[in-house]
Amino acid sequence: GPVAETFRVIRGVVTEEYVRSTQGVFQFELSGDGGGTWYIDLKTRGGSAGFGKPPVAADVVMSMSSADFVKMFTDKLKPFTAFVPGNSSIKCNMMLILSLEKML
């Protein structure tokens, strides 16, 4: 589905440079089609992304719909806009969100 395809693309663009400059682990709690727990690890050497819990503790936990997640990663929705009250929630260091936005 669209979420799995988005993570396939993310895995293809994760570089050591992103890992070095970001130093954060993002966990996504997605609802709807393709939902569940997904992660992007930009802290551990080499980085990784995929389905399930991250290999190390998450620095950022985002809860949102799968549709909003795909929109966010296809540049149709900015991360800050995605978190208007009632649509989703976020627990994190806001500087890491800015780093994630640069990757997009």
Protein backbone atom coordinates (compact mmCIF):
# COMPACT_ATOMS: atom_id res chain seq x y z
CA GLY A 1 0.00 0.00 0.00
CA PRO A 2 0.93 3.69 -0.01
CA VAL A 3 2.48 3.61 3.49
CA ALA A 4 4.74 0.64 2.71
CA GLU A 5 5.73 2.27 -0.59
CA THR A 6 6.56 5.53 1.22
CA PHE A 7 8.85 3.65 3.62
CA ARG A 8 10.50 1.84 0.70
CA VAL A 9 11.37 5.25 -0.78
CA ILE A 10 12.54 6.57 2.61
CA ARG A 11 14.90 3.59 3.03
CA GLY A 12 16.37 4.46 -0.37
CA VAL A 13 17.21 8.05 0.61
CA VAL A 14 18.54 7.53 4.15
CA THR A 15 22.25 8.33 4.11
CA GLU A 16 25.02 8.50 6.69
CA GLU A 17 24.89 12.28 6.25
CA TYR A 18 21.20 12.39 7.28
CA VAL A 19 22.00 10.17 10.25
CA ARG A 20 24.96 12.35 11.30
CA SER A 21 23.05 15.62 10.94
CA THR A 22 19.72 14.48 12.43
CA GLN A 23 20.54 12.11 15.30
CA GLY A 24 16.89 11.28 15.94
CA VAL A 25 14.51 8.34 15.86
CA PHE A 26 10.96 8.94 14.63
CA GLN A 27 8.10 6.59 15.49
CA PHE A 28 4.78 6.87 13.65
CA GLU A 29 1.55 5.48 15.07
CA LEU A 30 -0.65 5.37 11.98
CA SER A 31 -4.38 4.73 11.77
CA GLY A 32 -6.31 3.60 8.70
CA ASP A 33 -5.07 1.64 5.68
CA GLY A 34 -1.48 0.48 6.17
CA GLY A 35 -1.61 1.63 9.78
CA GLY A 36 0.34 0.37 12.73
CA THR A 37 3.70 1.31 14.18
CA TRP A 38 6.40 2.44 11.72
CA TYR A 39 9.76 4.13 12.29
CA ILE A 40 12.63 6.07 10.74
CA ASP A 41 15.93 5.65 12.60
CA LEU A 42 18.27 8.54 11.84
CA LYS A 43 20.43 7.93 14.89
CA THR A 44 21.87 4.41 14.60
CA ARG A 45 24.82 3.94 12.21
CA GLY A 46 23.53 3.52 8.66
CA GLY A 47 19.99 4.48 9.58
CA SER A 48 16.91 2.39 8.85
CA ALA A 49 13.18 2.60 8.35
CA GLY A 50 10.33 0.14 8.44
CA PHE A 51 7.38 -1.49 10.13
CA GLY A 52 7.34 -2.11 13.88
CA LYS A 53 9.06 -0.50 16.84
CA PRO A 54 12.38 1.26 16.19
CA PRO A 55 15.56 -0.59 17.22
CA VAL A 56 16.28 2.10 19.83
CA ALA A 57 13.99 4.38 21.86
CA ALA A 58 12.13 6.96 19.75
CA ASP A 59 12.92 10.65 20.21
CA VAL A 60 9.75 11.65 18.39
CA VAL A 61 6.40 9.84 18.46
CA MET A 62 3.78 11.00 15.96
CA SER A 63 0.20 9.75 15.83
CA MET A 64 -1.71 10.47 12.64
CA SER A 65 -3.77 8.92 9.88
CA SER A 66 -2.00 6.91 7.21
CA ALA A 67 -3.41 9.30 4.60
CA ASP A 68 -1.86 12.35 6.33
CA PHE A 69 1.45 10.50 6.70
CA VAL A 70 1.62 9.78 2.95
CA LYS A 71 0.65 13.41 2.19
CA MET A 72 3.40 14.64 4.53
CA PHE A 73 6.06 12.55 2.76
CA THR A 74 4.86 13.48 -0.73
CA ASP A 75 5.13 17.19 0.16
CA LYS A 76 1.36 17.74 0.07
CA LEU A 77 1.22 18.43 3.81
CA LYS A 78 3.86 20.18 5.95
CA PRO A 79 4.76 18.39 9.22
CA PHE A 80 3.72 21.35 11.38
CA THR A 81 0.36 21.60 9.56
CA ALA A 82 -0.22 17.88 10.09
CA PHE A 83 -0.38 18.41 13.83
CA VAL A 84 -3.28 20.83 14.16
CA PRO A 85 -5.23 19.96 17.30
CA GLY A 86 -7.62 17.06 16.85
CA ASN A 87 -6.01 15.58 13.71
CA SER A 88 -2.90 14.08 15.22
CA SER A 89 -0.50 14.35 18.11
CA ILE A 90 3.22 14.67 18.56
CA LYS A 91 5.65 14.14 21.43
CA CYS A 92 9.11 15.39 20.62
CA ASN A 93 11.93 17.85 20.37
CA MET A 94 10.69 20.36 17.76
CA MET A 95 14.21 20.77 16.34
CA LEU A 96 14.07 17.13 15.22
CA ILE A 97 10.82 17.87 13.35
CA LEU A 98 12.64 20.64 11.49
CA SER A 99 15.38 18.14 10.60
CA LEU A 100 12.78 15.70 9.32
CA GLU A 101 11.18 18.47 7.24
CA LYS A 102 14.56 19.11 5.57
CA MET A 103 14.77 15.44 4.59
CA LEU A 104 11.36 15.64 2.92
